[in-house]
N, C-alpha and C. Protein backbone atom coordinates (compact mmCIF):
# COMPACT_ATOMS: atom_id res chain seq x y z
N UNK A 1 110.40 56.09 121.40
CA UNK A 1 109.31 55.30 120.89
C UNK A 1 109.87 54.37 119.82
N UNK A 2 109.53 53.09 119.90
CA UNK A 2 110.01 52.13 118.93
C UNK A 2 108.82 51.50 118.21
N UNK A 3 108.95 51.43 116.90
CA UNK A 3 107.91 50.84 116.07
C UNK A 3 108.56 49.84 115.13
N UNK A 4 107.86 48.78 114.85
CA UNK A 4 108.34 47.78 113.91
C UNK A 4 107.25 46.78 113.61
N UNK A 5 107.54 45.84 112.76
CA UNK A 5 106.58 44.79 112.43
C UNK A 5 105.33 45.33 111.78
N UNK A 6 104.18 44.89 112.29
CA UNK A 6 102.91 45.30 111.68
C UNK A 6 102.65 46.80 111.83
N UNK A 7 103.26 47.43 112.83
CA UNK A 7 103.03 48.88 112.99
C UNK A 7 103.69 49.69 111.88
N UNK A 8 104.59 49.05 111.12
CA UNK A 8 105.17 49.70 109.94
C UNK A 8 105.00 48.79 108.71
N UNK A 9 103.94 47.99 108.73
CA UNK A 9 103.72 47.02 107.67
C UNK A 9 102.91 47.52 106.50
N UNK A 10 102.29 48.68 106.65
CA UNK A 10 101.48 49.23 105.56
C UNK A 10 101.51 50.76 105.64
N UNK A 11 101.09 51.38 104.56
CA UNK A 11 101.03 52.84 104.56
C UNK A 11 100.07 53.31 105.65
N UNK A 12 98.92 52.66 105.75
CA UNK A 12 97.92 53.05 106.75
C UNK A 12 98.51 52.98 108.16
N UNK A 13 99.22 51.91 108.48
CA UNK A 13 99.77 51.77 109.82
C UNK A 13 100.89 52.78 110.07
N UNK A 14 101.68 53.09 109.06
CA UNK A 14 102.73 54.11 109.22
C UNK A 14 102.11 55.48 109.47
N UNK A 15 101.05 55.79 108.76
CA UNK A 15 100.38 57.07 108.98
C UNK A 15 99.76 57.13 110.37
N UNK A 16 99.30 56.00 110.89
CA UNK A 16 98.76 55.95 112.25
C UNK A 16 99.85 56.22 113.27
N UNK A 17 101.00 55.61 113.09
CA UNK A 17 102.08 55.86 114.03
C UNK A 17 102.61 57.28 113.91
N UNK A 18 102.52 57.86 112.73
CA UNK A 18 102.89 59.27 112.55
C UNK A 18 102.04 60.15 113.47
N UNK A 19 100.75 59.87 113.52
CA UNK A 19 99.85 60.64 114.39
C UNK A 19 100.21 60.44 115.87
N UNK A 20 100.53 59.22 116.24
CA UNK A 20 100.94 58.94 117.62
C UNK A 20 102.17 59.75 118.00
N UNK A 21 103.16 59.75 117.13
CA UNK A 21 104.40 60.49 117.39
C UNK A 21 104.12 61.99 117.44
N UNK A 22 103.34 62.49 116.51
CA UNK A 22 103.02 63.93 116.51
C UNK A 22 102.30 64.33 117.80
N UNK A 23 101.39 63.51 118.26
CA UNK A 23 100.66 63.81 119.49
C UNK A 23 101.61 63.83 120.69
N UNK A 24 102.46 62.83 120.78
CA UNK A 24 103.42 62.76 121.88
C UNK A 24 104.41 63.92 121.83
N UNK A 25 104.81 64.31 120.65
CA UNK A 25 105.80 65.38 120.48
C UNK A 25 105.26 66.75 120.89
N UNK A 26 103.95 66.86 121.01
CA UNK A 26 103.38 68.14 121.47
C UNK A 26 103.69 68.40 122.94
N UNK A 27 103.93 67.34 123.70
CA UNK A 27 104.14 67.49 125.14
C UNK A 27 105.57 67.26 125.60
N UNK A 28 106.37 66.61 124.77
CA UNK A 28 107.75 66.34 125.16
C UNK A 28 108.57 65.95 123.93
N UNK A 29 109.88 66.11 124.02
CA UNK A 29 110.73 65.66 122.92
C UNK A 29 110.63 64.13 122.79
N UNK A 30 110.70 63.66 121.57
CA UNK A 30 110.62 62.21 121.36
C UNK A 30 111.77 61.75 120.47
N UNK A 31 112.14 60.51 120.65
CA UNK A 31 113.08 59.83 119.79
C UNK A 31 112.31 58.65 119.21
N UNK A 32 112.38 58.50 117.90
CA UNK A 32 111.65 57.42 117.23
C UNK A 32 112.65 56.44 116.62
N UNK A 33 112.46 55.18 116.91
CA UNK A 33 113.27 54.11 116.33
C UNK A 33 112.32 53.24 115.52
N UNK A 34 112.65 53.03 114.27
CA UNK A 34 111.82 52.20 113.40
C UNK A 34 112.63 50.99 112.99
N UNK A 35 112.10 49.83 113.31
CA UNK A 35 112.78 48.60 112.91
C UNK A 35 112.15 48.07 111.63
N UNK A 36 112.38 46.83 111.34
CA UNK A 36 111.99 46.25 110.04
C UNK A 36 110.49 46.25 109.81
N UNK A 37 110.13 46.40 108.54
CA UNK A 37 108.74 46.26 108.12
C UNK A 37 108.26 44.85 108.45
N UNK A 38 106.97 44.70 108.53
CA UNK A 38 106.35 43.41 108.83
C UNK A 38 106.91 42.30 107.94
N UNK A 39 107.49 41.27 108.55
CA UNK A 39 107.99 40.12 107.82
C UNK A 39 109.40 40.22 107.29
N UNK A 40 109.99 41.40 107.33
CA UNK A 40 111.30 41.60 106.72
C UNK A 40 112.42 40.91 107.50
N UNK A 41 112.37 40.91 108.82
CA UNK A 41 113.43 40.25 109.58
C UNK A 41 113.53 38.78 109.20
N UNK A 42 112.40 38.10 109.14
CA UNK A 42 112.41 36.69 108.75
C UNK A 42 112.92 36.51 107.33
N UNK A 43 112.54 37.42 106.42
CA UNK A 43 113.01 37.34 105.04
C UNK A 43 114.51 37.57 104.96
N UNK A 44 115.03 38.49 105.76
CA UNK A 44 116.48 38.74 105.77
C UNK A 44 117.23 37.49 106.22
N UNK A 45 116.73 36.85 107.25
CA UNK A 45 117.38 35.64 107.75
C UNK A 45 117.34 34.55 106.68
N UNK A 46 116.16 34.33 106.10
CA UNK A 46 116.02 33.29 105.08
C UNK A 46 116.88 33.58 103.85
N UNK A 47 116.90 34.83 103.45
CA UNK A 47 117.67 35.22 102.27
C UNK A 47 119.16 35.06 102.52
N UNK A 48 119.61 35.40 103.71
CA UNK A 48 121.03 35.23 104.02
C UNK A 48 121.41 33.75 104.04
N UNK A 49 120.51 32.92 104.51
CA UNK A 49 120.78 31.48 104.49
C UNK A 49 120.86 30.95 103.06
N UNK A 50 119.98 31.45 102.19
CA UNK A 50 120.02 31.06 100.78
C UNK A 50 121.38 31.43 100.17
N UNK A 51 121.81 32.65 100.45
CA UNK A 51 123.10 33.12 99.91
C UNK A 51 124.25 32.28 100.45
N UNK A 52 124.19 31.99 101.74
CA UNK A 52 125.24 31.19 102.38
C UNK A 52 125.34 29.80 101.75
N UNK A 53 124.20 29.26 101.35
CA UNK A 53 124.16 27.92 100.76
C UNK A 53 124.42 27.94 99.25
N UNK A 54 124.65 29.12 98.71
CA UNK A 54 124.94 29.23 97.28
C UNK A 54 123.72 29.22 96.39
N UNK A 55 122.53 29.38 96.98
CA UNK A 55 121.29 29.43 96.20
C UNK A 55 121.14 30.82 95.59
N UNK A 56 121.31 30.89 94.30
CA UNK A 56 121.28 32.19 93.61
C UNK A 56 119.91 32.87 93.66
N UNK A 57 118.86 32.16 94.07
CA UNK A 57 117.54 32.77 94.19
C UNK A 57 117.49 33.83 95.29
N UNK A 58 118.55 33.86 96.11
CA UNK A 58 118.59 34.88 97.16
C UNK A 58 118.53 36.28 96.55
N UNK A 59 119.06 36.42 95.33
CA UNK A 59 119.04 37.74 94.68
C UNK A 59 117.61 38.20 94.41
N UNK A 60 116.77 37.28 94.00
CA UNK A 60 115.36 37.61 93.75
C UNK A 60 114.67 38.04 95.05
N UNK A 61 114.95 37.31 96.11
CA UNK A 61 114.36 37.64 97.41
C UNK A 61 114.84 39.01 97.89
N UNK A 62 116.12 39.26 97.72
CA UNK A 62 116.68 40.55 98.11
C UNK A 62 116.04 41.68 97.30
N UNK A 63 115.96 41.48 95.98
CA UNK A 63 115.34 42.49 95.12
C UNK A 63 113.89 42.75 95.51
N UNK A 64 113.17 41.69 95.88
CA UNK A 64 111.77 41.85 96.30
C UNK A 64 111.67 42.70 97.57
N UNK A 65 112.61 42.51 98.50
CA UNK A 65 112.61 43.33 99.71
C UNK A 65 112.89 44.80 99.38
N UNK A 66 113.85 45.03 98.51
CA UNK A 66 114.19 46.39 98.11
C UNK A 66 112.98 47.04 97.44
N UNK A 67 112.34 46.30 96.55
CA UNK A 67 111.16 46.82 95.85
C UNK A 67 110.05 47.16 96.83
N UNK A 68 109.83 46.28 97.80
CA UNK A 68 108.78 46.55 98.80
C UNK A 68 109.05 47.84 99.55
N UNK A 69 110.29 48.08 99.93
CA UNK A 69 110.63 49.31 100.64
C UNK A 69 110.45 50.54 99.74
N UNK A 70 110.87 50.43 98.50
CA UNK A 70 110.69 51.55 97.57
C UNK A 70 109.21 51.86 97.36
N UNK A 71 108.40 50.82 97.22
CA UNK A 71 106.96 51.03 97.03
C UNK A 71 106.35 51.69 98.26
N UNK A 72 106.76 51.28 99.43
CA UNK A 72 106.24 51.88 100.66
C UNK A 72 106.63 53.35 100.74
N UNK A 73 107.87 53.65 100.44
CA UNK A 73 108.33 55.05 100.46
C UNK A 73 107.55 55.89 99.46
N UNK A 74 107.41 55.41 98.25
CA UNK A 74 106.68 56.15 97.22
C UNK A 74 105.23 56.38 97.63
N UNK A 75 104.58 55.36 98.20
CA UNK A 75 103.19 55.50 98.61
C UNK A 75 103.02 56.53 99.72
N UNK A 76 103.93 56.52 100.67
CA UNK A 76 103.84 57.48 101.78
C UNK A 76 104.10 58.90 101.28
N UNK A 77 105.11 59.08 100.47
CA UNK A 77 105.39 60.40 99.93
C UNK A 77 104.22 60.91 99.10
N UNK A 78 103.69 60.04 98.25
CA UNK A 78 102.53 60.44 97.44
C UNK A 78 101.37 60.87 98.33
N UNK A 79 101.09 60.12 99.39
CA UNK A 79 100.01 60.47 100.30
C UNK A 79 100.27 61.80 100.98
N UNK A 80 101.49 62.02 101.42
CA UNK A 80 101.80 63.23 102.18
C UNK A 80 101.79 64.49 101.32
N UNK A 81 102.08 64.39 100.04
CA UNK A 81 102.10 65.59 99.20
C UNK A 81 100.73 65.88 98.59
N UNK A 82 99.79 64.99 98.77
CA UNK A 82 98.44 65.23 98.22
C UNK A 82 97.65 66.16 99.10
């Protein structure tokens, strides 16, 4: 099963796909592949182009992507332990 984009773009959507995987796993073994969060692939491409061109603002864009991932992880963990 592969998920990416909007299906992993928010905590709500990640929790929805968690249910899909859990349901499928009841009947057969599953392999889950998760690609980039919604919009991240385009941001990675744009940020790499900024870096290639010597635009130091690429660091801010990179940091924003890292922050977004950390926030998503924290939100999911918080939800799951409640």
